[in-house]
Amino acid sequence: MMDQTGGWTGDWMGGGTWIMPALGVLMVVLLVIVIAKLSKK
């Protein structure tokens, strides 16, 4: 378990290549929600 968590945190802190795509997806989802709420009013 220590090895797995250590490698995971090291990969997350070092590379973090998934952070940008994840942020992009989150932004798109938030935009869709905002647009849906605005169009409902």
Protein backbone atom coordinates (compact mmCIF):
# COMPACT_ATOMS: atom_id res chain seq x y z
CA MET A 1 0.00 0.00 0.00
CA MET A 2 2.80 2.43 0.85
CA ASP A 3 4.44 1.79 -2.52
CA GLN A 4 1.18 2.34 -4.41
CA THR A 5 0.30 5.58 -2.63
CA GLY A 6 3.90 6.82 -2.93
CA GLY A 7 3.98 6.13 -6.66
CA TRP A 8 0.53 7.68 -7.14
CA THR A 9 1.39 10.89 -5.30
CA GLY A 10 4.77 11.05 -7.05
CA ASP A 11 3.12 10.67 -10.46
CA TRP A 12 0.42 13.21 -9.55
CA MET A 13 2.95 15.77 -8.31
CA GLY A 14 5.58 15.09 -10.99
CA GLY A 15 3.66 14.60 -14.25
CA GLY A 16 0.05 15.55 -13.61
CA THR A 17 -0.66 15.22 -17.34
CA TRP A 18 -4.29 14.34 -16.59
CA ILE A 19 -4.95 17.59 -14.71
CA MET A 20 -5.30 19.82 -17.79
CA PRO A 21 -7.72 17.54 -19.70
CA ALA A 22 -9.70 17.02 -16.48
CA LEU A 23 -9.94 20.79 -15.97
CA GLY A 24 -11.05 21.19 -19.58
CA VAL A 25 -13.79 18.61 -19.15
CA LEU A 26 -14.90 20.24 -15.89
CA MET A 27 -15.10 23.65 -17.59
CA VAL A 28 -17.19 22.22 -20.43
CA VAL A 29 -19.56 20.51 -17.98
CA LEU A 30 -19.92 23.71 -15.95
CA LEU A 31 -20.65 25.70 -19.14
CA VAL A 32 -23.31 23.20 -20.20
CA ILE A 33 -24.96 23.38 -16.76
CA VAL A 34 -24.93 27.20 -16.77
CA ILE A 35 -26.36 27.35 -20.30
CA ALA A 36 -29.06 24.82 -19.40
CA LYS A 37 -30.07 26.84 -16.32
CA LEU A 38 -30.14 30.08 -18.29
CA SER A 39 -32.21 28.57 -21.11
CA LYS A 40 -34.73 27.16 -18.61
CA LYS A 41 -35.50 30.61 -17.16
